[in-house]
N, C-alpha and C. Protein backbone atom coordinates (compact mmCIF):
# COMPACT_ATOMS: atom_id res chain seq x y z
N MET A 1 0.84 -1.14 0.00
CA MET A 1 0.00 -0.01 0.00
C MET A 1 0.88 1.23 0.02
N THR A 2 0.60 2.18 -0.82
CA THR A 2 1.39 3.40 -0.88
C THR A 2 0.84 4.43 0.07
N GLY A 3 1.61 5.47 0.28
CA GLY A 3 1.18 6.51 1.18
C GLY A 3 -0.08 7.18 0.72
N SER A 4 -0.32 7.27 -0.56
CA SER A 4 -1.52 7.92 -1.05
C SER A 4 -2.77 7.05 -0.85
N ASP A 5 -2.57 5.76 -0.64
CA ASP A 5 -3.69 4.84 -0.45
C ASP A 5 -4.15 4.83 1.00
N GLN A 6 -3.34 5.36 1.92
CA GLN A 6 -3.70 5.33 3.34
C GLN A 6 -4.44 6.61 3.65
N SER A 7 -5.51 6.48 4.41
CA SER A 7 -6.18 7.65 4.89
C SER A 7 -5.78 7.89 6.36
N ALA A 8 -5.86 9.14 6.75
CA ALA A 8 -5.53 9.46 8.16
C ALA A 8 -6.50 8.81 9.10
N PRO A 9 -6.01 8.31 10.21
CA PRO A 9 -6.96 7.69 11.18
C PRO A 9 -7.98 8.77 11.68
N GLU A 10 -9.13 8.33 11.95
CA GLU A 10 -10.16 9.18 12.43
C GLU A 10 -9.83 9.61 13.90
N ALA A 11 -9.91 10.86 14.20
CA ALA A 11 -9.64 11.31 15.58
C ALA A 11 -10.71 10.79 16.51
N PRO A 12 -10.34 10.27 17.67
CA PRO A 12 -11.30 9.75 18.59
C PRO A 12 -12.20 10.78 19.27
N PHE A 13 -11.70 12.02 19.33
CA PHE A 13 -12.41 13.07 20.02
C PHE A 13 -12.50 14.30 19.07
N ASP A 14 -13.68 14.90 19.11
CA ASP A 14 -13.88 16.12 18.29
C ASP A 14 -13.57 17.40 19.07
N ALA A 15 -13.52 17.30 20.38
CA ALA A 15 -13.29 18.48 21.22
C ALA A 15 -12.53 18.06 22.47
N PRO A 16 -11.78 18.98 23.08
CA PRO A 16 -11.04 18.61 24.26
C PRO A 16 -11.87 18.09 25.41
N TRP A 17 -13.10 18.63 25.57
CA TRP A 17 -13.94 18.17 26.67
C TRP A 17 -14.25 16.67 26.58
N GLN A 18 -14.31 16.15 25.35
CA GLN A 18 -14.61 14.71 25.16
C GLN A 18 -13.42 13.90 25.68
N ALA A 19 -12.21 14.31 25.38
CA ALA A 19 -11.03 13.61 25.89
C ALA A 19 -10.95 13.65 27.42
N GLN A 20 -11.29 14.84 27.95
CA GLN A 20 -11.26 15.04 29.38
C GLN A 20 -12.31 14.19 30.06
N LEU A 21 -13.50 14.08 29.46
CA LEU A 21 -14.56 13.23 30.01
C LEU A 21 -14.15 11.77 29.99
N PHE A 22 -13.56 11.35 28.91
CA PHE A 22 -13.04 9.94 28.79
C PHE A 22 -12.00 9.71 29.89
N ALA A 23 -11.06 10.67 30.01
CA ALA A 23 -9.97 10.49 30.99
C ALA A 23 -10.54 10.47 32.42
N LEU A 24 -11.52 11.30 32.70
CA LEU A 24 -12.17 11.29 34.03
C LEU A 24 -12.84 9.98 34.34
N THR A 25 -13.52 9.42 33.33
CA THR A 25 -14.19 8.16 33.51
C THR A 25 -13.19 7.04 33.82
N VAL A 26 -12.12 7.02 33.06
CA VAL A 26 -11.09 6.02 33.24
C VAL A 26 -10.42 6.20 34.63
N ALA A 27 -10.17 7.42 35.02
CA ALA A 27 -9.53 7.68 36.32
C ALA A 27 -10.41 7.27 37.49
N LEU A 28 -11.71 7.51 37.36
CA LEU A 28 -12.64 7.10 38.44
C LEU A 28 -12.70 5.58 38.47
N ASN A 29 -12.68 4.91 37.35
CA ASN A 29 -12.61 3.45 37.35
C ASN A 29 -11.34 2.94 37.97
N GLU A 30 -10.20 3.49 37.56
CA GLU A 30 -8.96 3.01 38.03
C GLU A 30 -8.77 3.29 39.57
N ALA A 31 -9.43 4.31 40.04
CA ALA A 31 -9.39 4.60 41.49
C ALA A 31 -10.31 3.74 42.32
N GLY A 32 -11.08 2.88 41.62
CA GLY A 32 -11.90 1.94 42.28
C GLY A 32 -13.33 2.43 42.64
N HIS A 33 -13.78 3.55 42.05
CA HIS A 33 -15.06 4.07 42.33
C HIS A 33 -16.20 3.25 41.70
N PHE A 34 -15.87 2.59 40.62
CA PHE A 34 -16.80 1.71 39.95
C PHE A 34 -16.02 0.77 39.03
N SER A 35 -16.63 -0.37 38.74
CA SER A 35 -16.03 -1.32 37.84
C SER A 35 -16.35 -0.95 36.40
N TRP A 36 -15.60 -1.46 35.46
CA TRP A 36 -15.88 -1.22 34.06
C TRP A 36 -17.18 -1.91 33.69
N ALA A 37 -17.47 -3.00 34.36
CA ALA A 37 -18.73 -3.71 34.10
C ALA A 37 -19.95 -2.83 34.53
N ASP A 38 -19.77 -2.13 35.68
CA ASP A 38 -20.80 -1.20 36.11
C ASP A 38 -20.97 -0.08 35.08
N TRP A 39 -19.82 0.43 34.57
CA TRP A 39 -19.90 1.49 33.60
C TRP A 39 -20.64 1.02 32.35
N ALA A 40 -20.25 -0.14 31.82
CA ALA A 40 -20.88 -0.68 30.62
C ALA A 40 -22.36 -0.94 30.79
N ALA A 41 -22.76 -1.37 31.97
CA ALA A 41 -24.15 -1.65 32.25
C ALA A 41 -24.98 -0.36 32.25
N THR A 42 -24.38 0.75 32.59
CA THR A 42 -25.04 2.03 32.58
C THR A 42 -24.99 2.66 31.20
N PHE A 43 -23.81 2.72 30.63
CA PHE A 43 -23.60 3.42 29.34
C PHE A 43 -24.23 2.64 28.19
N GLY A 44 -24.04 1.35 28.12
CA GLY A 44 -24.51 0.54 26.99
C GLY A 44 -25.97 0.81 26.56
N PRO A 45 -26.90 0.60 27.49
CA PRO A 45 -28.30 0.80 27.12
C PRO A 45 -28.62 2.25 26.73
N MET A 46 -27.92 3.23 27.42
CA MET A 46 -28.18 4.63 27.10
C MET A 46 -27.72 4.98 25.69
N VAL A 47 -26.54 4.52 25.33
CA VAL A 47 -25.99 4.90 24.02
C VAL A 47 -26.72 4.19 22.87
N GLN A 48 -27.23 3.04 23.11
CA GLN A 48 -28.00 2.33 22.08
C GLN A 48 -29.26 3.03 21.65
N GLU A 49 -29.81 3.87 22.57
CA GLU A 49 -31.08 4.55 22.32
C GLU A 49 -30.83 5.91 21.61
N GLN A 50 -29.60 6.35 21.44
CA GLN A 50 -29.34 7.69 20.93
C GLN A 50 -28.65 7.68 19.55
N PRO A 51 -28.82 8.78 18.81
CA PRO A 51 -28.09 8.87 17.51
C PRO A 51 -26.59 9.08 17.78
N ALA A 52 -25.78 8.66 16.82
CA ALA A 52 -24.31 8.67 16.97
C ALA A 52 -23.75 10.05 17.32
N GLU A 53 -24.41 11.12 16.79
CA GLU A 53 -23.86 12.45 17.02
C GLU A 53 -23.94 12.90 18.46
N THR A 54 -24.69 12.22 19.27
CA THR A 54 -24.83 12.58 20.67
C THR A 54 -23.99 11.67 21.57
N TYR A 55 -23.10 10.89 20.98
CA TYR A 55 -22.30 9.84 21.73
C TYR A 55 -21.67 10.39 22.97
N TRP A 56 -20.94 11.52 22.91
CA TRP A 56 -20.22 12.01 24.11
C TRP A 56 -21.15 12.69 25.05
N GLN A 57 -22.27 13.23 24.58
CA GLN A 57 -23.27 13.81 25.51
C GLN A 57 -23.87 12.65 26.33
N VAL A 58 -24.17 11.52 25.64
CA VAL A 58 -24.73 10.32 26.34
C VAL A 58 -23.64 9.82 27.33
N TRP A 59 -22.39 9.80 26.93
CA TRP A 59 -21.31 9.37 27.81
C TRP A 59 -21.35 10.21 29.11
N SER A 60 -21.48 11.51 28.92
CA SER A 60 -21.53 12.42 30.09
C SER A 60 -22.76 12.13 30.95
N GLU A 61 -23.90 11.94 30.36
CA GLU A 61 -25.11 11.64 31.10
C GLU A 61 -25.00 10.28 31.82
N ALA A 62 -24.37 9.30 31.18
CA ALA A 62 -24.18 8.01 31.81
C ALA A 62 -23.28 8.10 33.01
N LEU A 63 -22.23 8.93 32.91
CA LEU A 63 -21.32 9.06 34.05
C LEU A 63 -22.03 9.73 35.21
N VAL A 64 -22.80 10.75 34.98
CA VAL A 64 -23.56 11.41 36.01
C VAL A 64 -24.56 10.40 36.63
N THR A 65 -25.26 9.65 35.81
CA THR A 65 -26.19 8.63 36.30
C THR A 65 -25.49 7.63 37.20
N LEU A 66 -24.34 7.14 36.75
CA LEU A 66 -23.61 6.13 37.54
C LEU A 66 -23.10 6.72 38.84
N LEU A 67 -22.59 7.92 38.84
CA LEU A 67 -22.10 8.55 40.05
C LEU A 67 -23.27 8.76 41.04
N SER A 68 -24.45 9.12 40.51
CA SER A 68 -25.61 9.29 41.38
C SER A 68 -26.09 7.94 41.91
N ASP A 69 -26.18 6.96 41.03
CA ASP A 69 -26.62 5.59 41.45
C ASP A 69 -25.73 5.04 42.56
N LEU A 70 -24.45 5.30 42.45
CA LEU A 70 -23.50 4.81 43.41
C LEU A 70 -23.33 5.74 44.65
N GLN A 71 -24.10 6.77 44.70
CA GLN A 71 -24.06 7.78 45.73
C GLN A 71 -22.71 8.41 45.91
N ILE A 72 -22.02 8.62 44.80
CA ILE A 72 -20.72 9.31 44.80
C ILE A 72 -20.96 10.82 44.63
N ALA A 73 -21.88 11.17 43.77
CA ALA A 73 -22.20 12.59 43.54
C ALA A 73 -23.61 12.65 42.97
N GLU A 74 -24.43 13.56 43.48
CA GLU A 74 -25.76 13.69 42.97
C GLU A 74 -25.73 14.54 41.71
N ALA A 75 -26.68 14.28 40.82
CA ALA A 75 -26.75 14.98 39.53
C ALA A 75 -26.80 16.48 39.69
N ALA A 76 -27.54 16.98 40.68
CA ALA A 76 -27.66 18.40 40.90
C ALA A 76 -26.30 19.00 41.29
N GLU A 77 -25.53 18.28 42.07
CA GLU A 77 -24.21 18.77 42.49
C GLU A 77 -23.25 18.77 41.29
N VAL A 78 -23.31 17.76 40.45
CA VAL A 78 -22.49 17.71 39.25
C VAL A 78 -22.82 18.92 38.39
N GLN A 79 -24.15 19.18 38.20
CA GLN A 79 -24.58 20.32 37.36
C GLN A 79 -24.10 21.64 37.99
N ARG A 80 -24.21 21.77 39.27
CA ARG A 80 -23.73 23.01 39.91
C ARG A 80 -22.27 23.21 39.72
N MET A 81 -21.47 22.14 39.85
CA MET A 81 -20.03 22.28 39.67
C MET A 81 -19.70 22.61 38.20
N ALA A 82 -20.40 22.00 37.28
CA ALA A 82 -20.19 22.27 35.87
C ALA A 82 -20.46 23.74 35.55
N GLU A 83 -21.51 24.32 36.12
CA GLU A 83 -21.87 25.71 35.97
C GLU A 83 -20.77 26.62 36.55
N LEU A 84 -20.25 26.22 37.72
CA LEU A 84 -19.19 27.02 38.31
C LEU A 84 -17.93 26.99 37.47
N TRP A 85 -17.58 25.82 36.95
CA TRP A 85 -16.37 25.73 36.10
C TRP A 85 -16.55 26.51 34.78
N GLN A 86 -17.75 26.47 34.25
CA GLN A 86 -18.03 27.26 33.03
C GLN A 86 -17.88 28.76 33.32
N ALA A 87 -18.38 29.20 34.44
CA ALA A 87 -18.29 30.59 34.81
C ALA A 87 -16.80 30.96 35.03
N ALA A 88 -16.08 30.05 35.66
CA ALA A 88 -14.64 30.32 35.89
C ALA A 88 -13.95 30.41 34.56
N ALA A 89 -14.24 29.54 33.61
CA ALA A 89 -13.62 29.58 32.30
C ALA A 89 -13.87 30.91 31.58
N ARG A 90 -15.13 31.39 31.70
CA ARG A 90 -15.51 32.69 31.07
C ARG A 90 -14.74 33.84 31.68
N ASN A 91 -14.38 33.74 32.95
CA ASN A 91 -13.71 34.79 33.65
C ASN A 91 -12.20 34.69 33.72
N THR A 92 -11.68 33.69 33.00
CA THR A 92 -10.25 33.45 33.03
C THR A 92 -9.63 33.87 31.70
N PRO A 93 -8.58 34.69 31.74
CA PRO A 93 -7.95 35.11 30.46
C PRO A 93 -7.39 33.89 29.72
N HIS A 94 -7.46 33.94 28.38
CA HIS A 94 -6.96 32.84 27.55
C HIS A 94 -5.47 32.58 27.89
N GLY A 95 -5.15 31.29 28.02
CA GLY A 95 -3.78 30.91 28.32
C GLY A 95 -3.47 30.82 29.80
N THR A 96 -4.38 31.20 30.61
CA THR A 96 -4.23 31.18 32.07
C THR A 96 -4.97 29.90 32.60
N PRO A 97 -4.36 29.18 33.53
CA PRO A 97 -5.06 28.01 34.08
C PRO A 97 -6.36 28.46 34.74
N ILE A 98 -7.39 27.65 34.54
CA ILE A 98 -8.71 27.99 35.11
C ILE A 98 -8.72 27.52 36.56
N GLU A 99 -9.16 28.40 37.43
CA GLU A 99 -9.28 28.11 38.87
C GLU A 99 -10.76 28.36 39.23
N LEU A 100 -11.31 27.46 40.00
CA LEU A 100 -12.71 27.56 40.41
C LEU A 100 -13.00 28.92 41.06
N SER A 101 -12.03 29.48 41.76
CA SER A 101 -12.26 30.75 42.44
C SER A 101 -12.60 31.87 41.45
N ALA A 102 -12.28 31.70 40.18
CA ALA A 102 -12.61 32.69 39.16
C ALA A 102 -14.08 32.69 38.75
N ALA A 103 -14.83 31.72 39.24
CA ALA A 103 -16.27 31.63 38.91
C ALA A 103 -17.04 32.87 39.25
N SER A 104 -16.61 33.56 40.32
CA SER A 104 -17.34 34.74 40.76
C SER A 104 -16.94 35.99 40.01
N GLY A 105 -15.88 35.84 39.17
CA GLY A 105 -15.41 36.99 38.43
C GLY A 105 -14.47 37.89 39.18
N SER A 106 -14.03 37.47 40.36
CA SER A 106 -13.09 38.25 41.13
C SER A 106 -11.67 37.94 40.80
């Protein structure tokens, strides 16, 4: 096969948040918060019901569901933290590490 016959591999992530979500899921699993079988039992049925373009959104929803089911974090708390981090990101100059304290704009 020549170089012109090979196509570039498809990127697994379309956006940085998807890679971060994947890494967070793996880290929680490796830290022993849930087994991969638990993850698959939650994510599998949810993703089968959705169109492919929502794959990473479903992944996020499945992680929140699993964390809530296991009483690690309630969905409302996850949502609240996500909103705080989004506010912090909006209030942080480009190129500067985001800190949660920046959520208030101070």
